[in-house]
PDB file of N, CA and C in Angstrom:
ATOM      1  N   MET A   1      70.497 107.699 103.600  1.00  0.00           N
ATOM      2  CA  MET A   1      71.737 107.351 104.264  1.00  0.00           C
ATOM      3  C   MET A   1      72.776 106.985 103.200  1.00  0.00           C
ATOM      4  N   THR A   2      73.964 107.563 103.312  1.00  0.00           N
ATOM      5  CA  THR A   2      75.024 107.329 102.341  1.00  0.00           C
ATOM      6  C   THR A   2      76.149 106.547 102.994  1.00  0.00           C
ATOM      7  N   LEU A   3      76.663 105.560 102.284  1.00  0.00           N
ATOM      8  CA  LEU A   3      77.763 104.750 102.787  1.00  0.00           C
ATOM      9  C   LEU A   3      79.021 105.080 101.991  1.00  0.00           C
ATOM     10  N   HIS A   4      80.053 105.543 102.701  1.00  0.00           N
ATOM     11  CA  HIS A   4      81.324 105.867 102.060  1.00  0.00           C
ATOM     12  C   HIS A   4      82.368 104.867 102.534  1.00  0.00           C
ATOM     13  N   LEU A   5      82.968 104.148 101.610  1.00  0.00           N
ATOM     14  CA  LEU A   5      84.004 103.180 101.948  1.00  0.00           C
ATOM     15  C   LEU A   5      85.357 103.710 101.507  1.00  0.00           C
ATOM     16  N   GLU A   6      86.310 103.632 102.385  1.00  0.00           N
ATOM     17  CA  GLU A   6      87.681 103.984 102.044  1.00  0.00           C
ATOM     18  C   GLU A   6      88.356 102.741 101.467  1.00  0.00           C
ATOM     19  N   LEU A   7      89.352 102.949 100.629  1.00  0.00           N
ATOM     20  CA  LEU A   7      90.000 101.832  99.956  1.00  0.00           C
ATOM     21  C   LEU A   7      90.930 101.054 100.886  1.00  0.00           C
ATOM     22  N   ALA A   8      91.743 101.732 101.669  1.00  0.00           N
ATOM     23  CA  ALA A   8      92.745 101.057 102.514  1.00  0.00           C
ATOM     24  C   ALA A   8      92.115 100.108 103.539  1.00  0.00           C
ATOM     25  N   PRO A   9      91.100 100.530 104.308  1.00  0.00           N
ATOM     26  CA  PRO A   9      90.497  99.584 105.265  1.00  0.00           C
ATOM     27  C   PRO A   9      89.824  98.397 104.583  1.00  0.00           C
ATOM     28  N   LEU A  10      89.230  98.639 103.424  1.00  0.00           N
ATOM     29  CA  LEU A  10      88.584  97.547 102.694  1.00  0.00           C
ATOM     30  C   LEU A  10      89.627  96.539 102.213  1.00  0.00           C
ATOM     31  N   LEU A  11      90.746  97.038 101.673  1.00  0.00           N
ATOM     32  CA  LEU A  11      91.831  96.145 101.250  1.00  0.00           C
ATOM     33  C   LEU A  11      92.420  95.392 102.435  1.00  0.00           C
ATOM     34  N   ALA A  12      92.560  96.065 103.565  1.00  0.00           N
ATOM     35  CA  ALA A  12      93.102  95.413 104.759  1.00  0.00           C
ATOM     36  C   ALA A  12      92.185  94.283 105.230  1.00  0.00           C
ATOM     37  N   LEU A  13      90.893  94.512 105.179  1.00  0.00           N
ATOM     38  CA  LEU A  13      89.939  93.483 105.584  1.00  0.00           C
ATOM     39  C   LEU A  13      89.995  92.280 104.660  1.00  0.00           C
ATOM     40  N   VAL A  14      89.997  92.524 103.363  1.00  0.00           N
ATOM     41  CA  VAL A  14      90.060  91.431 102.381  1.00  0.00           C
ATOM     42  C   VAL A  14      91.382  90.671 102.527  1.00  0.00           C
ATOM     43  N   ALA A  15      92.480  91.396 102.694  1.00  0.00           N
ATOM     44  CA  ALA A  15      93.784  90.745 102.846  1.00  0.00           C
ATOM     45  C   ALA A  15      93.837  89.912 104.120  1.00  0.00           C
ATOM     46  N   GLY A  16      93.275  90.425 105.198  1.00  0.00           N
ATOM     47  CA  GLY A  16      93.258  89.677 106.459  1.00  0.00           C
ATOM     48  C   GLY A  16      92.492  88.377 106.346  1.00  0.00           C
ATOM     49  N   VAL A  17      91.348  88.415 105.708  1.00  0.00           N
ATOM     50  CA  VAL A  17      90.555  87.194 105.518  1.00  0.00           C
ATOM     51  C   VAL A  17      91.297  86.215 104.614  1.00  0.00           C
ATOM     52  N   ALA A  18      91.913  86.726 103.541  1.00  0.00           N
ATOM     53  CA  ALA A  18      92.649  85.855 102.630  1.00  0.00           C
ATOM     54  C   ALA A  18      93.832  85.189 103.332  1.00  0.00           C
ATOM     55  N   ILE A  19      94.510  85.930 104.203  1.00  0.00           N
ATOM     56  CA  ILE A  19      95.649  85.366 104.937  1.00  0.00           C
ATOM     57  C   ILE A  19      95.175  84.275 105.890  1.00  0.00           C
ATOM     58  N   LEU A  20      94.017  84.471 106.525  1.00  0.00           N
ATOM     59  CA  LEU A  20      93.482  83.437 107.414  1.00  0.00           C
ATOM     60  C   LEU A  20      93.129  82.171 106.642  1.00  0.00           C
ATOM     61  N   VAL A  21      92.580  82.336 105.436  1.00  0.00           N
ATOM     62  CA  VAL A  21      92.159  81.175 104.651  1.00  0.00           C
ATOM     63  C   VAL A  21      93.349  80.507 103.964  1.00  0.00           C
ATOM     64  N   TRP A  22      94.234  81.317 103.379  1.00  0.00           N
ATOM     65  CA  TRP A  22      95.398  80.807 102.659  1.00  0.00           C
ATOM     66  C   TRP A  22      96.667  81.461 103.199  1.00  0.00           C
ATOM     67  N   PRO A  23      97.287  80.915 104.245  1.00  0.00           N
ATOM     68  CA  PRO A  23      98.452  81.556 104.861  1.00  0.00           C
ATOM     69  C   PRO A  23      99.635  81.744 103.904  1.00  0.00           C
ATOM     70  N   ARG A  24      99.752  80.946 102.866  1.00  0.00           N
ATOM     71  CA  ARG A  24     100.882  81.088 101.934  1.00  0.00           C
ATOM     72  C   ARG A  24     100.799  82.367 101.111  1.00  0.00           C
ATOM     73  N   LEU A  25      99.634  82.999 101.082  1.00  0.00           N
ATOM     74  CA  LEU A  25      99.459  84.221 100.304  1.00  0.00           C
ATOM     75  C   LEU A  25     100.006  85.466 100.992  1.00  0.00           C
ATOM     76  N   LEU A  26     100.471  85.334 102.221  1.00  0.00           N
ATOM     77  CA  LEU A  26     100.878  86.497 103.002  1.00  0.00           C
ATOM     78  C   LEU A  26     101.904  87.359 102.279  1.00  0.00           C
ATOM     79  N   SER A  27     102.979  86.772 101.790  1.00  0.00           N
ATOM     80  CA  SER A  27     104.027  87.574 101.160  1.00  0.00           C
ATOM     81  C   SER A  27     103.529  88.250  99.887  1.00  0.00           C
ATOM     82  N   ARG A  28     102.707  87.562  99.115  1.00  0.00           N
ATOM     83  CA  ARG A  28     102.180  88.157  97.883  1.00  0.00           C
ATOM     84  C   ARG A  28     101.214  89.298  98.188  1.00  0.00           C
ATOM     85  N   ILE A  29     100.360  89.106  99.186  1.00  0.00           N
ATOM     86  CA  ILE A  29      99.405  90.148  99.545  1.00  0.00           C
ATOM     87  C   ILE A  29     100.131  91.386 100.045  1.00  0.00           C
ATOM     88  N   VAL A  30     101.145  91.190 100.883  1.00  0.00           N
ATOM     89  CA  VAL A  30     101.919  92.324 101.393  1.00  0.00           C
ATOM     90  C   VAL A  30     102.630  93.037 100.244  1.00  0.00           C
ATOM     91  N   ALA A  31     103.214  92.278  99.330  1.00  0.00           N
ATOM     92  CA  ALA A  31     103.908  92.888  98.199  1.00  0.00           C
ATOM     93  C   ALA A  31     102.949  93.681  97.317  1.00  0.00           C
ATOM     94  N   ILE A  32     101.795  93.129  97.002  1.00  0.00           N
ATOM     95  CA  ILE A  32     100.815  93.829  96.176  1.00  0.00           C
ATOM     96  C   ILE A  32     100.322  95.085  96.884  1.00  0.00           C
ATOM     97  N   TYR A  33     100.083  94.990  98.191  1.00  0.00           N
ATOM     98  CA  TYR A  33      99.626  96.147  98.955  1.00  0.00           C
ATOM     99  C   TYR A  33     100.671  97.262  98.940  1.00  0.00           C
ATOM    100  N   LEU A  34     101.924  96.900  99.161  1.00  0.00           N
ATOM    101  CA  LEU A  34     102.986  97.913  99.167  1.00  0.00           C
ATOM    102  C   LEU A  34     103.165  98.555  97.805  1.00  0.00           C
ATOM    103  N   ILE A  35     103.085  97.766  96.747  1.00  0.00           N
ATOM    104  CA  ILE A  35     103.191  98.317  95.394  1.00  0.00           C
ATOM    105  C   ILE A  35     102.019  99.254  95.122  1.00  0.00           C
ATOM    106  N   ALA A  36     100.825  98.872  95.508  1.00  0.00           N
ATOM    107  CA  ALA A  36      99.644  99.709  95.274  1.00  0.00           C
ATOM    108  C   ALA A  36      99.743 101.016  96.049  1.00  0.00           C
ATOM    109  N   VAL A  37     100.129 100.948  97.318  1.00  0.00           N
ATOM    110  CA  VAL A  37     100.254 102.160  98.129  1.00  0.00           C
ATOM    111  C   VAL A  37     101.344 103.061  97.567  1.00  0.00           C
ATOM    112  N   GLY A  38     102.444 102.487  97.136  1.00  0.00           N
ATOM    113  CA  GLY A  38     103.518 103.276  96.555  1.00  0.00           C
ATOM    114  C   GLY A  38     103.094 103.946  95.257  1.00  0.00           C
ATOM    115  N   ALA A  39     102.387 103.210  94.400  1.00  0.00           N
ATOM    116  CA  ALA A  39     101.931 103.775  93.131  1.00  0.00           C
ATOM    117  C   ALA A  39     100.907 104.895  93.367  1.00  0.00           C
ATOM    118  N   ILE A  40     100.014 104.689  94.310  1.00  0.00           N
ATOM    119  CA  ILE A  40      99.028 105.720  94.628  1.00  0.00           C
ATOM    120  C   ILE A  40      99.726 106.962  95.183  1.00  0.00           C
ATOM    121  N   GLY A  41     100.732 106.765  96.012  1.00  0.00           N
ATOM    122  CA  GLY A  41     101.479 107.895  96.569  1.00  0.00           C
ATOM    123  C   GLY A  41     102.267 108.649  95.526  1.00  0.00           C
ATOM    124  N   LEU A  42     102.875 107.936  94.600  1.00  0.00           N
ATOM    125  CA  LEU A  42     103.694 108.591  93.571  1.00  0.00           C
ATOM    126  C   LEU A  42     102.850 109.289  92.517  1.00  0.00           C
ATOM    127  N   PHE A  43     101.800 108.638  92.069  1.00  0.00           N
ATOM    128  CA  PHE A  43     101.020 109.165  90.958  1.00  0.00           C
ATOM    129  C   PHE A  43      99.763 109.901  91.392  1.00  0.00           C
ATOM    130  N   GLY A  44      99.450 109.868  92.684  1.00  0.00           N
ATOM    131  CA  GLY A  44      98.289 110.600  93.193  1.00  0.00           C
ATOM    132  C   GLY A  44      96.962 110.122  92.645  1.00  0.00           C
ATOM    133  N   LEU A  45      96.829 108.822  92.486  1.00  0.00           N
ATOM    134  CA  LEU A  45      95.576 108.255  91.939  1.00  0.00           C
ATOM    135  C   LEU A  45      94.448 108.343  92.959  1.00  0.00           C
TER     136      LEU A  45
END
């Protein structure tokens, strides 16, 4: 049996848990996520 994990759902899960534990991190997590998605889209990583 092989387990394949996608990056976006895994990041969303980690970010959701972090926001529940530390609500002040919301803006930073959103900013990092948007920068990462933008960089992946531009550079095709």
